[in-house]
Protein backbone atom coordinates (compact mmCIF):
# COMPACT_ATOMS: atom_id res chain seq x y z
CA UNK A 1 -222.12 71.95 24.87
CA UNK A 2 -222.39 72.72 21.17
CA UNK A 3 -218.98 74.37 21.01
CA UNK A 4 -216.99 71.32 21.59
CA UNK A 5 -219.21 69.22 19.25
CA UNK A 6 -218.90 71.85 16.58
CA UNK A 7 -215.12 72.28 16.92
CA UNK A 8 -214.67 68.42 16.73
CA UNK A 9 -216.43 68.32 13.52
CA UNK A 10 -213.80 70.59 11.87
CA UNK A 11 -211.08 68.53 13.35
CA UNK A 12 -212.64 65.33 11.78
CA UNK A 13 -214.17 66.44 8.63
CA UNK A 14 -212.13 66.40 5.46
CA UNK A 15 -212.58 69.40 3.25
CA UNK A 16 -212.96 68.59 -0.55
CA UNK A 17 -211.85 71.96 -1.61
CA UNK A 18 -208.87 74.19 -1.15
CA UNK A 19 -209.97 76.08 1.75
CA UNK A 20 -208.53 77.49 4.98
CA UNK A 21 -209.77 76.61 8.50
CA UNK A 22 -210.85 80.33 8.81
CA UNK A 23 -212.83 80.14 5.57
CA UNK A 24 -214.42 76.87 6.53
CA UNK A 25 -215.46 77.97 10.01
CA UNK A 26 -216.73 81.61 9.05
CA UNK A 27 -218.66 80.19 6.01
CA UNK A 28 -220.40 77.43 8.10
CA UNK A 29 -224.10 78.13 8.11
CA UNK A 30 -225.43 76.46 11.02
CA UNK A 31 -223.07 77.19 13.98
CA UNK A 32 -224.69 77.79 17.39
CA UNK A 33 -221.35 79.03 18.76
CA UNK A 34 -219.72 82.27 17.38
CA UNK A 35 -217.23 81.55 14.52
CA UNK A 36 -214.50 83.36 16.49
CA UNK A 37 -214.93 80.98 19.47
CA UNK A 38 -214.84 77.86 17.16
CA UNK A 39 -211.88 79.13 15.12
CA UNK A 40 -209.70 79.92 18.23
CA UNK A 41 -210.61 76.62 19.87
CA UNK A 42 -209.77 74.47 16.75
CA UNK A 43 -206.66 76.37 15.79
CA UNK A 44 -205.20 76.38 19.37
CA UNK A 45 -205.96 72.86 20.02
CA UNK A 46 -204.58 71.59 16.69
CA UNK A 47 -201.55 73.70 17.54
CA UNK A 48 -201.03 71.89 20.90
CA UNK A 49 -202.24 68.49 19.46
CA UNK A 50 -198.85 66.68 19.36
CA UNK A 51 -198.55 67.01 23.01
CA UNK A 52 -202.09 66.73 24.02
CA UNK A 53 -202.35 63.48 22.15
CA UNK A 54 -199.59 62.16 24.25
CA UNK A 55 -201.35 63.39 27.37
CA UNK A 56 -204.49 61.70 26.45
CA UNK A 57 -203.33 58.47 25.60
CA UNK A 58 -200.97 58.12 28.46
CA UNK A 59 -203.53 59.27 31.01
CA UNK A 60 -205.98 56.55 29.42
CA UNK A 61 -208.96 59.03 29.45
CA UNK A 62 -210.38 57.60 26.47
CA UNK A 63 -210.72 53.96 28.11
CA UNK A 64 -212.40 55.34 31.10
CA UNK A 65 -214.69 57.81 29.37
CA UNK A 66 -216.09 55.64 26.62
CA UNK A 67 -218.42 58.33 25.25
CA UNK A 68 -215.49 60.88 24.47
CA UNK A 69 -214.31 60.78 20.84
CA UNK A 70 -210.52 61.30 20.27
CA UNK A 71 -211.46 64.78 18.80
CA UNK A 72 -213.61 65.80 21.67
CA UNK A 73 -210.98 64.46 24.28
CA UNK A 74 -208.29 66.66 22.52
CA UNK A 75 -210.42 69.82 22.80
CA UNK A 76 -211.53 69.22 26.26
CA UNK A 77 -208.06 68.29 27.63
CA UNK A 78 -206.60 71.29 25.84
CA UNK A 79 -209.13 73.61 27.60
CA UNK A 80 -208.76 72.04 30.88
CA UNK A 81 -204.99 72.33 30.90
CA UNK A 82 -204.37 75.52 29.11
CA UNK A 83 -207.46 77.87 29.01
CA UNK A 84 -207.61 80.48 31.46
CA UNK A 85 -211.18 79.61 32.50
CA UNK A 86 -210.92 75.88 31.86
CA UNK A 87 -213.48 73.91 30.17
CA UNK A 88 -216.31 76.30 28.64
CA UNK A 89 -219.31 74.36 30.07
CA UNK A 90 -221.35 74.52 33.13
CA UNK A 91 -219.82 72.79 36.12
CA UNK A 92 -222.39 69.87 35.92
CA UNK A 93 -222.12 69.30 32.17
CA UNK A 94 -221.18 65.71 31.23
CA UNK A 95 -218.35 66.94 28.99
CA UNK A 96 -216.75 68.96 31.61
CA UNK A 97 -217.00 66.04 34.30
CA UNK A 98 -215.59 63.56 31.87
CA UNK A 99 -212.31 65.42 31.87
CA UNK A 100 -212.34 67.13 35.40
CA UNK A 101 -212.39 63.84 37.31
CA UNK A 102 -209.18 62.89 35.62
CA UNK A 103 -207.73 66.38 36.15
CA UNK A 104 -204.81 65.29 38.51
CA UNK A 105 -203.55 62.43 36.16
CA UNK A 106 -203.93 64.64 33.06
CA UNK A 107 -201.85 67.43 34.69
CA UNK A 108 -199.19 64.87 35.72
CA UNK A 109 -199.01 63.43 32.28
CA UNK A 110 -198.67 67.02 30.92
CA UNK A 111 -195.81 67.66 33.17
CA UNK A 112 -194.06 64.49 32.21
CA UNK A 113 -194.46 65.39 28.46
CA UNK A 114 -193.10 68.79 29.06
CA UNK A 115 -190.09 67.52 31.06
CA UNK A 116 -189.34 64.83 28.50
CA UNK A 117 -188.64 67.55 26.04
CA UNK A 118 -186.42 69.42 28.46
CA UNK A 119 -188.81 72.30 28.81
CA UNK A 120 -189.18 74.01 32.09
CA UNK A 121 -192.40 75.91 31.65
CA UNK A 122 -195.72 75.87 29.78
CA UNK A 123 -194.43 79.11 27.95
CA UNK A 124 -191.41 77.21 26.88
CA UNK A 125 -193.68 74.58 25.48
CA UNK A 126 -195.46 77.13 23.61
CA UNK A 127 -192.31 78.67 22.05
CA UNK A 128 -191.14 75.09 21.26
CA UNK A 129 -194.45 74.40 19.33
CA UNK A 130 -194.05 77.72 17.40
CA UNK A 131 -190.56 76.97 16.53
CA UNK A 132 -191.41 73.34 15.44
CA UNK A 133 -194.40 74.63 13.45
CA UNK A 134 -192.11 77.10 11.51
CA UNK A 135 -189.91 74.31 10.61
CA UNK A 136 -192.61 71.68 9.82
CA UNK A 137 -191.00 68.69 11.04
CA UNK A 138 -192.58 65.26 10.78
CA UNK A 139 -192.45 64.61 14.46
CA UNK A 140 -192.13 66.63 17.59
CA UNK A 141 -188.55 66.67 18.86
CA UNK A 142 -186.57 69.22 20.93
CA UNK A 143 -185.77 72.35 19.15
CA UNK A 144 -182.18 73.42 18.82
CA UNK A 145 -180.56 76.40 16.99
CA UNK A 146 -178.19 73.88 15.67
CA UNK A 147 -181.08 72.03 13.98
CA UNK A 148 -182.21 75.02 11.75
CA UNK A 149 -181.63 74.64 8.08
CA UNK A 150 -179.02 77.03 7.54
CA UNK A 151 -176.61 76.70 4.45
CA UNK A 152 -177.10 74.18 1.95
CA UNK A 153 -178.67 71.37 3.93
CA UNK A 154 -182.39 70.81 4.40
CA UNK A 155 -184.62 72.35 1.87
CA UNK A 156 -187.26 73.79 4.31
CA UNK A 157 -186.07 76.93 5.93
CA UNK A 158 -187.70 78.66 8.89
CA UNK A 159 -190.50 81.21 8.30
CA UNK A 160 -189.43 84.50 9.89
CA UNK A 161 -192.25 86.62 11.63
CA UNK A 162 -192.57 89.71 9.36
CA UNK A 163 -193.52 92.98 11.00
CA UNK A 164 -194.47 96.12 8.83
CA UNK A 165 -193.99 99.45 10.55
CA UNK A 166 -197.33 101.49 10.36
CA UNK A 167 -195.98 104.74 9.06
CA UNK A 168 -199.57 106.08 9.29
CA UNK A 169 -198.70 106.37 13.22
CA UNK A 170 -195.09 105.93 13.59
CA UNK A 171 -191.73 105.63 11.73
CA UNK A 172 -188.99 102.97 11.37
CA UNK A 173 -186.41 105.14 13.16
CA UNK A 174 -188.90 105.65 16.08
CA UNK A 175 -189.72 101.92 16.56
CA UNK A 176 -185.87 100.94 16.27
CA UNK A 177 -185.30 103.61 19.17
CA UNK A 178 -188.15 102.24 21.26
CA UNK A 179 -189.83 98.86 20.78
CA UNK A 180 -186.80 97.43 19.19
CA UNK A 181 -184.23 99.39 21.08
CA UNK A 182 -182.43 96.16 22.57
CA UNK A 183 -182.47 94.35 19.43
CA UNK A 184 -179.26 93.68 17.22
CA UNK A 185 -179.67 94.08 13.43
CA UNK A 186 -178.55 91.21 11.27
CA UNK A 187 -177.19 91.83 7.95
CA UNK A 188 -179.25 89.00 6.44
CA UNK A 189 -182.09 86.44 7.30
CA UNK A 190 -179.44 83.79 7.55
CA UNK A 191 -177.35 85.71 10.02
CA UNK A 192 -180.57 86.14 12.02
CA UNK A 193 -181.44 82.41 12.10
CA UNK A 194 -177.83 81.69 12.91
CA UNK A 195 -177.37 83.95 15.89
CA UNK A 196 -180.85 83.86 17.39
CA UNK A 197 -182.43 81.86 20.04
CA UNK A 198 -185.36 82.12 22.45
CA UNK A 199 -183.37 84.63 24.38
CA UNK A 200 -181.86 86.69 21.90
CA UNK A 201 -183.27 89.95 20.59
CA UNK A 202 -182.46 90.13 16.83
CA UNK A 203 -183.98 91.41 13.67
CA UNK A 204 -183.33 92.07 9.88
CA UNK A 205 -184.22 95.10 8.03
CA UNK A 206 -185.80 93.95 4.77
CA UNK A 207 -183.81 95.01 1.58
CA UNK A 208 -186.89 95.02 -0.86
CA UNK A 209 -189.81 96.41 1.02
CA UNK A 210 -189.26 99.82 3.01
CA UNK A 211 -190.33 99.82 6.71
CA UNK A 212 -190.49 95.94 7.05
CA UNK A 213 -188.63 93.93 9.49
CA UNK A 214 -188.07 90.22 9.89
CA UNK A 215 -187.88 88.61 13.37
CA UNK A 216 -187.08 85.00 14.32
CA UNK A 217 -190.04 82.52 14.07
CA UNK A 218 -190.23 82.20 17.99
CA UNK A 219 -190.26 85.97 18.62
CA UNK A 220 -193.36 87.17 20.32
CA UNK A 221 -194.51 90.68 19.29
CA UNK A 222 -198.35 90.45 19.88
CA UNK A 223 -197.94 91.27 23.65
CA UNK A 224 -196.09 94.54 22.91
CA UNK A 225 -197.92 97.98 23.47
CA UNK A 226 -196.76 99.01 19.77
CA UNK A 227 -198.70 96.06 18.25
CA UNK A 228 -201.78 96.58 20.47
CA UNK A 229 -201.84 100.23 19.42
CA UNK A 230 -201.51 99.62 15.66
CA UNK A 231 -197.88 100.78 15.32
CA UNK A 232 -196.88 97.44 14.21
CA UNK A 233 -198.74 95.11 11.72
CA UNK A 234 -197.89 91.43 11.08
CA UNK A 235 -197.81 90.97 7.46
CA UNK A 236 -195.86 88.54 5.39
CA UNK A 237 -193.31 89.97 3.05
CA UNK A 238 -195.04 88.44 -0.05
CA UNK A 239 -198.30 90.18 1.04
CA UNK A 240 -196.59 93.59 0.84
CA UNK A 241 -195.57 93.20 -2.75
CA UNK A 242 -198.84 94.26 -4.36
CA UNK A 243 -199.32 97.69 -2.63
CA UNK A 244 -195.66 98.34 -3.13
CA UNK A 245 -195.64 97.43 -6.74
CA UNK A 246 -198.73 99.63 -7.43
CA UNK A 247 -196.11 102.56 -6.74
CA UNK A 248 -198.87 105.06 -5.85
CA UNK A 249 -197.64 108.70 -6.15
CA UNK A 250 -198.68 112.20 -4.97
CA UNK A 251 -200.34 112.72 -8.40
CA UNK A 252 -202.45 109.56 -8.50
CA UNK A 253 -206.24 109.66 -8.12
CA UNK A 254 -208.34 107.31 -5.96
CA UNK A 255 -207.50 103.62 -5.67
CA UNK A 256 -209.72 100.70 -5.27
CA UNK A 257 -208.93 97.51 -3.23
CA UNK A 258 -211.22 95.08 -4.81
CA UNK A 259 -211.17 92.40 -2.26
CA UNK A 260 -209.91 94.25 0.82
CA UNK A 261 -210.68 92.03 4.00
CA UNK A 262 -208.83 91.49 6.47
CA UNK A 263 -207.00 94.79 5.51
CA UNK A 264 -203.31 94.46 5.50
CA UNK A 265 -202.96 95.40 2.04
CA UNK A 266 -205.67 98.31 2.29
CA UNK A 267 -203.68 99.73 5.31
CA UNK A 268 -200.31 99.35 3.53
CA UNK A 269 -201.84 101.33 0.61
CA UNK A 270 -202.80 103.91 3.01
CA UNK A 271 -199.32 104.15 4.45
CA UNK A 272 -197.73 104.34 1.20
CA UNK A 273 -200.14 107.22 -0.02
CA UNK A 274 -199.55 109.10 3.30
CA UNK A 275 -195.63 108.76 2.90
CA UNK A 276 -195.64 109.58 -0.77
CA UNK A 277 -198.28 112.25 -0.99
CA UNK A 278 -198.78 115.77 0.47
CA UNK A 279 -201.39 116.97 2.81
CA UNK A 280 -202.90 119.03 0.15
CA UNK A 281 -203.25 115.86 -2.22
CA UNK A 282 -204.19 112.59 -0.59
CA UNK A 283 -206.00 110.30 -2.71
CA UNK A 284 -208.98 107.98 -1.44
CA UNK A 285 -208.91 104.34 -1.07
CA UNK A 286 -212.15 102.45 -1.69
CA UNK A 287 -211.94 99.10 0.05
CA UNK A 288 -214.60 96.70 -1.23
CA UNK A 289 -215.56 93.63 0.79
CA UNK A 290 -218.83 91.73 -0.23
CA UNK A 291 -219.07 89.58 3.01
CA UNK A 292 -220.10 91.91 5.77
CA UNK A 293 -218.58 89.88 8.55
CA UNK A 294 -215.27 90.28 6.94
CA UNK A 295 -215.96 93.62 6.21
CA UNK A 296 -216.39 94.41 10.02
CA UNK A 297 -212.99 92.85 10.55
CA UNK A 298 -211.63 95.28 7.75
CA UNK A 299 -213.26 98.13 9.36
CA UNK A 300 -211.50 97.29 12.75
CA UNK A 301 -208.13 96.89 10.94
CA UNK A 302 -208.55 100.41 9.36
CA UNK A 303 -209.49 101.94 12.66
CA UNK A 304 -206.64 100.37 14.44
CA UNK A 305 -204.14 101.47 11.77
CA UNK A 306 -205.36 105.01 11.90
CA UNK A 307 -206.26 104.92 8.35
CA UNK A 308 -209.93 106.31 8.50
CA UNK A 309 -209.04 109.42 6.86
CA UNK A 310 -207.77 107.69 3.70
CA UNK A 311 -209.77 104.50 3.49
CA UNK A 312 -213.46 104.15 3.01
CA UNK A 313 -214.87 100.59 3.78
CA UNK A 314 -217.65 99.46 1.30
CA UNK A 315 -219.33 96.63 3.55
CA UNK A 316 -221.15 94.29 1.37
CA UNK A 317 -219.88 95.88 -1.88
CA UNK A 318 -219.13 93.16 -4.56
CA UNK A 319 -216.53 94.45 -6.87
CA UNK A 320 -218.07 92.72 -9.82
CA UNK A 321 -221.28 94.61 -9.32
CA UNK A 322 -219.51 97.93 -9.42
CA UNK A 323 -220.23 100.28 -12.35
CA UNK A 324 -216.79 101.72 -13.31
CA UNK A 325 -218.60 104.69 -15.11
CA UNK A 326 -220.33 105.98 -11.95
CA UNK A 327 -218.81 107.74 -9.10
CA UNK A 328 -216.86 107.18 -6.94
CA UNK A 329 -215.41 104.46 -9.11
CA UNK A 330 -215.04 106.52 -12.19
CA UNK A 331 -212.28 108.52 -10.29
CA UNK A 332 -210.19 105.44 -9.74
CA UNK A 333 -206.82 105.54 -11.33
CA UNK A 334 -205.25 102.54 -9.54
CA UNK A 335 -206.80 99.19 -8.57
CA UNK A 336 -205.35 96.31 -6.33
CA UNK A 337 -206.76 92.94 -7.01
CA UNK A 338 -205.95 90.09 -4.53
CA UNK A 339 -209.00 87.72 -5.11
CA UNK A 340 -210.05 84.37 -3.79
CA UNK A 341 -207.51 81.70 -4.56
CA UNK A 342 -206.43 78.24 -3.55
CA UNK A 343 -204.12 79.55 -0.74
CA UNK A 344 -201.55 76.86 -1.73
CA UNK A 345 -198.72 79.13 -1.11
CA UNK A 346 -199.50 79.95 2.46
CA UNK A 347 -197.08 78.41 4.95
CA UNK A 348 -198.59 75.87 6.92
CA UNK A 349 -201.45 75.34 4.25
CA UNK A 350 -200.29 72.15 2.40
CA UNK A 351 -203.44 71.28 4.41
CA UNK A 352 -206.15 73.40 5.56
CA UNK A 353 -205.50 72.12 9.09
CA UNK A 354 -203.14 69.64 10.52
CA UNK A 355 -203.96 67.91 13.79
CA UNK A 356 -202.63 64.84 15.60
CA UNK A 357 -205.50 63.08 17.33
CA UNK A 358 -205.20 60.48 20.14
CA UNK A 359 -205.41 57.02 19.13
CA UNK A 360 -207.98 54.40 20.67
CA UNK A 361 -205.57 51.65 19.45
CA UNK A 362 -202.83 53.10 21.62
CA UNK A 363 -205.08 53.10 24.75
CA UNK A 364 -205.98 49.56 24.08
CA UNK A 365 -202.16 48.62 23.88
CA UNK A 366 -201.58 50.52 27.16
CA UNK A 367 -204.48 48.77 28.73
CA UNK A 368 -203.01 45.43 27.77
CA UNK A 369 -199.63 46.23 28.88
CA UNK A 370 -200.53 47.24 32.14
CA UNK A 371 -202.63 43.91 32.90
CA UNK A 372 -199.49 41.96 32.03
CA UNK A 373 -197.63 44.13 34.62
CA UNK A 374 -194.37 43.85 32.95
CA UNK A 375 -191.26 44.12 35.30
CA UNK A 376 -189.66 46.52 33.20
CA UNK A 377 -191.80 49.57 32.16
CA UNK A 378 -190.83 51.26 29.12
CA UNK A 379 -188.71 54.43 29.70
CA UNK A 380 -190.26 56.45 26.88
CA UNK A 381 -193.99 56.84 27.36
CA UNK A 382 -194.44 58.53 23.94
CA UNK A 383 -196.78 56.72 21.59
CA UNK A 384 -195.15 54.00 19.26
CA UNK A 385 -193.72 54.98 15.86
CA UNK A 386 -196.83 53.41 14.09
CA UNK A 387 -198.99 55.86 15.79
CA UNK A 388 -197.96 58.32 13.43
CA UNK A 389 -200.63 56.89 11.12
CA UNK A 390 -203.17 58.33 13.49
CA UNK A 391 -202.40 61.98 12.39
CA UNK A 392 -205.23 63.39 10.59
CA UNK A 393 -204.51 66.41 8.30
CA UNK A 394 -207.41 67.87 6.95
CA UNK A 395 -206.23 68.16 3.21
CA UNK A 396 -207.72 69.10 -0.20
CA UNK A 397 -208.53 66.12 -2.29
CA UNK A 398 -205.42 64.52 -3.97
CA UNK A 399 -207.78 63.55 -6.87
CA UNK A 400 -206.27 65.28 -9.84
CA UNK A 401 -209.58 65.99 -11.43
CA UNK A 402 -211.01 67.40 -8.32
CA UNK A 403 -208.08 69.89 -8.10
CA UNK A 404 -207.92 70.62 -11.87
CA UNK A 405 -211.74 71.44 -11.78
CA UNK A 406 -211.24 73.69 -8.57
CA UNK A 407 -208.40 75.62 -10.18
CA UNK A 408 -210.28 76.11 -13.46
CA UNK A 409 -213.27 77.58 -11.32
CA UNK A 410 -210.98 79.89 -9.60
CA UNK A 411 -209.07 80.91 -12.60
CA UNK A 412 -212.41 81.84 -14.28
CA UNK A 413 -213.49 84.13 -11.48
CA UNK A 414 -210.03 85.71 -11.19
CA UNK A 415 -209.71 86.37 -14.70
CA UNK A 416 -213.33 88.02 -14.75
CA UNK A 417 -212.34 90.26 -11.88
CA UNK A 418 -209.15 91.31 -13.71
CA UNK A 419 -211.10 92.02 -17.02
CA UNK A 420 -213.51 94.16 -14.88
CA UNK A 421 -210.70 96.20 -13.57
CA UNK A 422 -209.69 96.99 -17.08
CA UNK A 423 -213.11 98.74 -17.71
CA UNK A 424 -212.41 101.55 -15.29
CA UNK A 425 -212.12 104.66 -17.46
CA UNK A 426 -209.39 106.45 -15.64
CA UNK A 427 -207.44 103.56 -14.38
CA UNK A 428 -203.92 103.63 -15.31
CA UNK A 429 -202.42 100.71 -13.26
CA UNK A 430 -203.56 97.38 -11.72
CA UNK A 431 -201.90 94.79 -9.68
CA UNK A 432 -203.16 91.27 -9.64
CA UNK A 433 -201.81 88.78 -6.90
CA UNK A 434 -202.53 85.40 -5.41
CA UNK A 435 -201.18 83.46 -2.62
CA UNK A 436 -201.16 80.41 -4.88
CA UNK A 437 -198.45 78.34 -6.43
CA UNK A 438 -200.19 77.12 -9.28
CA UNK A 439 -199.71 78.63 -12.75
CA UNK A 440 -203.37 78.26 -13.61
CA UNK A 441 -204.23 80.92 -11.27
CA UNK A 442 -201.18 83.25 -11.95
CA UNK A 443 -199.38 83.40 -15.24
CA UNK A 444 -202.37 81.64 -17.24
CA UNK A 445 -204.84 84.47 -15.79
CA UNK A 446 -202.33 87.25 -16.64
CA UNK A 447 -201.92 85.68 -20.35
CA UNK A 448 -205.72 85.54 -20.64
CA UNK A 449 -206.25 88.91 -19.48
CA UNK A 450 -203.50 90.52 -21.87
CA UNK A 451 -205.05 88.71 -24.92
CA UNK A 452 -208.60 89.74 -24.03
CA UNK A 453 -210.84 92.23 -26.12
CA UNK A 454 -210.90 94.63 -23.33
CA UNK A 455 -207.18 94.78 -22.77
CA UNK A 456 -206.46 95.26 -26.48
CA UNK A 457 -209.24 97.99 -26.80
CA UNK A 458 -208.15 99.94 -23.72
CA UNK A 459 -204.41 99.68 -24.21
CA UNK A 460 -203.55 97.54 -21.29
CA UNK A 461 -200.09 95.80 -21.16
CA UNK A 462 -197.87 94.28 -18.46
CA UNK A 463 -195.41 96.37 -16.39
CA UNK A 464 -192.02 95.25 -17.48
CA UNK A 465 -189.40 94.35 -14.96
CA UNK A 466 -187.23 97.44 -15.79
CA UNK A 467 -190.14 99.81 -15.11
CA UNK A 468 -191.01 98.38 -11.68
CA UNK A 469 -190.35 100.16 -8.34
CA UNK A 470 -186.66 99.57 -7.30
CA UNK A 471 -187.38 96.93 -4.58
CA UNK A 472 -189.44 94.91 -7.04
CA UNK A 473 -187.15 95.17 -9.85
CA UNK A 474 -184.27 93.84 -7.55
CA UNK A 475 -186.32 90.70 -6.67
CA UNK A 476 -185.09 87.71 -8.60
CA UNK A 477 -187.66 85.17 -8.49
CA UNK A 478 -189.89 85.63 -11.62
CA UNK A 479 -192.68 84.01 -13.52
CA UNK A 480 -192.70 80.57 -15.20
CA UNK A 481 -191.68 80.87 -18.93
CA UNK A 482 -193.72 77.80 -19.91
CA UNK A 483 -196.73 79.07 -18.23
CA UNK A 484 -196.27 82.44 -20.29
CA UNK A 485 -196.40 80.71 -23.46
CA UNK A 486 -192.47 80.77 -23.76
CA UNK A 487 -192.62 84.45 -23.56
CA UNK A 488 -189.50 85.44 -21.56
CA UNK A 489 -190.10 89.12 -21.22
CA UNK A 490 -193.63 88.38 -19.78
CA UNK A 491 -192.16 85.83 -17.40
CA UNK A 492 -189.66 88.49 -16.24
CA UNK A 493 -192.53 90.87 -15.50
CA UNK A 494 -194.15 88.50 -13.43
CA UNK A 495 -193.20 88.15 -9.73
CA UNK A 496 -193.15 85.09 -7.78
CA UNK A 497 -192.16 84.00 -4.25
CA UNK A 498 -191.42 80.42 -3.51
CA UNK A 499 -192.53 78.72 -0.36
CA UNK A 500 -190.02 77.83 2.54
CA UNK A 501 -186.85 79.09 0.90
CA UNK A 502 -184.11 81.33 2.18
CA UNK A 503 -186.08 84.47 1.27
CA UNK A 504 -188.38 83.78 3.99
CA UNK A 505 -191.69 84.23 2.06
CA UNK A 506 -194.75 82.34 1.42
CA UNK A 507 -195.79 81.08 -2.03
CA UNK A 508 -197.01 84.28 -3.70
CA UNK A 509 -197.45 85.66 -7.14
CA UNK A 510 -197.95 89.36 -8.32
CA UNK A 511 -198.13 91.16 -11.65
CA UNK A 512 -198.83 94.72 -12.55
CA UNK A 513 -200.50 96.14 -15.70
CA UNK A 514 -200.44 99.54 -17.04
CA UNK A 515 -202.33 101.43 -19.60
CA UNK A 516 -201.02 102.83 -22.77
CA UNK A 517 -203.02 106.10 -22.92
CA UNK A 518 -202.50 106.54 -26.47
CA UNK A 519 -204.34 103.50 -27.35
CA UNK A 520 -207.14 103.98 -24.87
CA UNK A 521 -210.81 103.69 -26.07
CA UNK A 522 -212.83 105.71 -23.83
CA UNK A 523 -215.98 104.56 -21.87
CA UNK A 524 -218.69 107.01 -21.34
CA UNK A 525 -220.15 107.46 -17.87
CA UNK A 526 -223.04 105.31 -17.04
CA UNK A 527 -222.69 103.24 -20.28
CA UNK A 528 -221.01 100.31 -18.78
CA UNK A 529 -223.29 97.12 -19.53
CA UNK A 530 -221.32 94.41 -17.99
CA UNK A 531 -219.21 91.72 -19.71
CA UNK A 532 -219.45 90.60 -23.17
CA UNK A 533 -218.81 86.90 -24.28
CA UNK A 534 -215.37 87.84 -25.85
CA UNK A 535 -214.30 89.23 -22.42
CA UNK A 536 -214.68 85.97 -20.56
């Protein structure tokens, strides 16, 4: 079946660019299966791969089914043991038969792998893997609250599960009284980690972003009715910074979200407009998404969040092809720019995908050992330490010149996008953000934009720290002075989030620009003629 062969390709093919699994799957041109099917299978099988690798190797399926590759075996065994409907292939299909004839042995080895970790149920294994993923260990081990990096020990802290209260449909007070009625409130993230376990219900109210909660990494919220009804939105804390920093008020005009899919930032903008505005004056949000497939996801997000009255999705609209002087764009007073970037700050994206494939060498060693019939079988059936070399993370190329070229290309696009935003005649404020850790995509872009002719002609300047909205003003992680050309004030105006620290954020960057209205050179409607060489 094409599904498993196509999915196996994503497990074994290295990506030469800095792209996520989702980007790779949804941009694949010749898939016969739906991208959603392939993405779900690859991501779930990868998540379970440390245990599935062990099951495949100890069951010796690869030695009996010579036509199965390690990647195919991983995918098929995952579905056989964990998918509700089993292997997604006809009953007589060779791939399905290849694993189903070993079903009893595979189930037995899975049970052994589970019990070796002291886990009573499959659900306990799932939570165990989630916890391990949040801690990013080098090998699978039993999870204990005492092992969590609290205090001054390990550098990598757990990543909390951030939940934004969707104030278009509910309120923080209402959710604390209903969905989270049985939860204790921790004074800090450190306290939440210290006192939480799989059985505890505990949360932390964020001190920077209104209506944002932090839950332990192993907390399961996606099965709750509040989540399914759009009352709760899973959104990383750092991802909430751009809309909040834009600080929309009741007097602001329309807003443009330039690269809007999947919709978290657009719906956050809508919630802030709804909360800060009045029924007599609610501005419009124009959500641009040039990819129609992603735009469909955006539209579903907008509908689920109840934001249809505030957000208009412009499916297939390339922001760079928008004429700022024509309606409805000419009425925009605020713009949010969160363009394509390296994604290097995303938790779990040091590689686009990390997967542990079964080893044929391990199978051969087991075959050889069984033929010798040693009198004392090994007590630990887990693969030998050397098998760690069989892990196959799908990483960006580590060649410096490849990364440099990729970052230069991204920065050029990001700068072009930002300069285009500066052309909007009524625009008074713009936020620019990335989920990147690289200065080339962050401070360097900001500096290039501020020194451009369009910024000088139209009076654009950086929003200084002391003028930022309260929660952002109090955020202490700031831009890199060196990357800002030694300008300390510019660095202070830039906001950074570090990856895997006690603040519980992904790697992120955001800066806001405001227009000095006294220095504005007006742009006549319909006269925009694209970019000049000096703009780029």
